[in-house]
Protein backbone atom coordinates (compact mmCIF):
# COMPACT_ATOMS: atom_id res chain seq x y z
CA MET A 1 42.15 9.89 71.96
CA GLN A 2 42.48 13.45 70.89
CA ILE A 3 39.53 15.22 69.24
CA ILE A 4 40.12 18.54 67.49
CA LEU A 5 36.83 20.43 67.52
CA SER A 6 38.17 23.56 66.00
CA PRO A 7 41.64 25.11 65.24
CA ASP A 8 41.82 26.36 68.78
CA GLN A 9 39.93 23.65 70.68
CA CYS A 10 41.11 20.14 71.38
CA ILE A 11 39.78 17.65 73.93
CA THR A 12 40.97 14.32 75.20
CA GLN A 13 38.50 11.45 75.44
CA ALA A 14 38.94 7.84 76.34
CA ALA A 15 38.06 5.70 73.38
CA SER A 16 37.16 2.49 75.37
CA GLY A 17 36.51 0.61 72.23
CA ARG A 18 33.54 2.76 71.35
CA THR A 19 32.58 3.81 67.75
CA ILE A 20 33.27 7.33 66.50
CA GLU A 21 29.45 7.83 66.43
CA GLU A 22 29.08 6.82 70.14
CA ILE A 23 31.79 9.36 71.07
CA LEU A 24 30.22 12.09 68.99
CA LEU A 25 26.78 11.55 70.53
CA GLN A 26 28.30 11.61 74.01
CA LEU A 27 29.86 15.00 73.20
CA GLY A 28 26.44 16.30 71.94
CA VAL A 29 27.59 16.40 68.27
CA ASN A 30 25.21 15.20 65.65
CA PRO A 31 27.10 12.72 63.42
CA VAL A 32 25.15 14.03 60.45
CA ASP A 33 26.59 17.53 60.88
CA VAL A 34 30.30 16.62 60.71
CA LEU A 35 32.82 14.63 58.83
CA VAL A 36 35.51 12.92 60.87
CA SER A 37 39.07 12.93 59.53
CA TRP A 38 41.94 10.69 60.78
CA ASN A 39 45.33 10.86 59.24
CA ASP A 40 43.94 13.23 56.63
CA THR A 41 41.36 10.62 55.55
CA ILE A 42 37.60 10.88 56.11
CA ILE A 43 36.46 7.90 58.20
CA PRO A 44 33.01 6.48 58.73
CA GLU A 45 31.18 6.90 62.03
CA ASP A 46 31.13 3.05 62.67
CA THR A 47 34.96 3.07 62.97
CA ARG A 48 36.07 1.73 66.33
CA ALA A 49 38.16 4.43 68.06
CA SER A 50 41.43 3.79 69.86
CA ASP A 51 43.26 5.94 72.48
CA GLU A 52 46.15 6.56 70.00
CA MET A 53 43.91 8.28 67.49
CA THR A 54 43.72 12.02 66.83
CA ILE A 55 40.54 12.86 64.88
CA ARG A 56 39.41 16.23 63.47
CA LEU A 57 35.80 17.25 63.20
CA ILE A 58 34.87 19.10 60.03
CA ARG A 59 31.47 20.81 60.33
CA ILE A 60 29.24 20.48 57.35
CA SER A 61 27.08 23.54 56.25
CA HIS A 62 23.47 22.64 55.42
CA GLY A 63 21.08 24.86 53.64
CA GLY A 64 19.94 25.97 50.16
């Protein structure tokens, strides 16, 4: 699968039937800090990934 981390950074990762959350945690990304977009749709972290997917991580800004 392709993971777009930023406009100029994309990595390839084997999905191996894992969930998006498992992949994010392996990459050191806290699932609470990002939204995950696939085909221009926000998807939940419990979605099973496939090698054909290209997902985009959208960082969420916290604060007040």
